[in-house]
Amino acid sequence: MAISIDPKQVVSFEELLMFQVVHAEAFTRLLVEKGVVTQEELMVMVKVVDRDMKRTRKEKGLVTNASLTHCQLFLANDRVD
């Protein structure tokens, strides 16, 4: 049985990705601003997660072109707007 989807509720992959990036960035900044984690701790974890995800993708035979996330850019700028 097919489900009818309202075209107004469909978003592009780009919109979905941007939504995820904006939310992750906001959460990242909030954690650093509140002192829950330091920028250094966050960067270490970003590298750990990046390494683990690349390993998993490689084990599954998937392309591993992706690199570190937007967190690296945020931390490289060393700023919180």
Protein backbone atom coordinates (compact mmCIF):
# COMPACT_ATOMS: atom_id res chain seq x y z
CA MET A 1 0.00 0.00 0.00
CA ALA A 2 1.52 3.30 -1.11
CA ILE A 3 1.56 6.25 1.24
CA SER A 4 0.60 9.62 -0.17
CA ILE A 5 3.16 12.34 0.59
CA ASP A 6 2.38 16.03 0.55
CA PRO A 7 4.94 17.69 -1.77
CA LYS A 8 5.14 20.61 0.68
CA GLN A 9 6.62 18.24 3.28
CA VAL A 10 9.39 16.95 1.01
CA VAL A 11 12.80 18.57 1.37
CA SER A 12 15.89 18.22 -0.76
CA PHE A 13 18.97 16.37 0.38
CA GLU A 14 20.76 19.73 0.58
CA GLU A 15 18.07 21.16 2.88
CA LEU A 16 18.20 18.09 5.09
CA LEU A 17 21.99 18.21 5.29
CA MET A 18 21.96 21.93 6.10
CA PHE A 19 19.39 21.31 8.85
CA GLN A 20 21.72 18.71 10.38
CA VAL A 21 24.79 20.94 10.11
CA VAL A 22 23.05 23.93 11.69
CA HIS A 23 21.76 21.85 14.60
CA ALA A 24 25.10 20.15 15.19
CA GLU A 25 26.89 23.50 15.08
CA ALA A 26 24.45 25.06 17.54
CA PHE A 27 24.81 22.12 19.91
CA THR A 28 28.60 22.20 19.61
CA ARG A 29 28.78 25.92 20.35
CA LEU A 30 26.41 25.58 23.29
CA LEU A 31 28.48 22.80 24.87
CA VAL A 32 31.66 24.88 24.57
CA GLU A 33 30.01 28.11 25.75
CA LYS A 34 28.52 26.39 28.80
CA GLY A 35 31.87 24.82 29.65
CA VAL A 36 30.53 21.28 29.38
CA VAL A 37 33.51 20.42 27.19
CA THR A 38 36.59 22.32 26.14
CA GLN A 39 37.42 22.95 22.51
CA GLU A 40 40.37 20.60 22.89
CA GLU A 41 38.20 17.77 24.28
CA LEU A 42 35.70 18.29 21.50
CA MET A 43 38.40 18.22 18.83
CA VAL A 44 39.83 15.00 20.24
CA MET A 45 36.40 13.38 20.15
CA VAL A 46 35.73 14.64 16.62
CA LYS A 47 38.95 12.97 15.49
CA VAL A 48 38.05 9.73 17.31
CA VAL A 49 34.57 9.63 15.78
CA ASP A 50 35.94 10.53 12.34
CA ARG A 51 38.52 7.73 12.55
CA ASP A 52 35.92 5.21 13.75
CA MET A 53 33.44 6.15 11.03
CA LYS A 54 36.12 5.89 8.33
CA ARG A 55 37.15 2.47 9.63
CA THR A 56 33.55 1.26 9.64
CA ARG A 57 32.96 2.57 6.11
CA LYS A 58 36.16 0.94 4.89
CA GLU A 59 35.19 -2.39 6.49
CA LYS A 60 31.86 -2.20 4.67
CA GLY A 61 33.56 -1.33 1.38
CA LEU A 62 32.09 2.16 1.24
CA VAL A 63 33.80 5.28 -0.07
CA THR A 64 35.75 7.13 2.62
CA ASN A 65 36.24 10.56 1.06
CA ALA A 66 34.55 12.36 3.93
CA SER A 67 36.84 14.10 6.36
CA LEU A 68 36.42 15.83 9.70
CA THR A 69 33.15 17.60 10.35
CA HIS A 70 32.19 21.23 10.71
CA CYS A 71 33.42 21.03 14.31
CA GLN A 72 36.96 21.21 13.03
CA LEU A 73 36.18 24.44 11.19
CA PHE A 74 34.48 25.92 14.24
CA LEU A 75 37.37 25.00 16.52
CA ALA A 76 39.96 26.17 14.00
CA ASN A 77 38.35 29.60 14.06
CA ASP A 78 38.45 29.56 17.87
CA ARG A 79 35.39 31.72 18.13
CA VAL A 80 31.87 31.67 19.45
CA ASP A 81 29.57 34.30 17.91
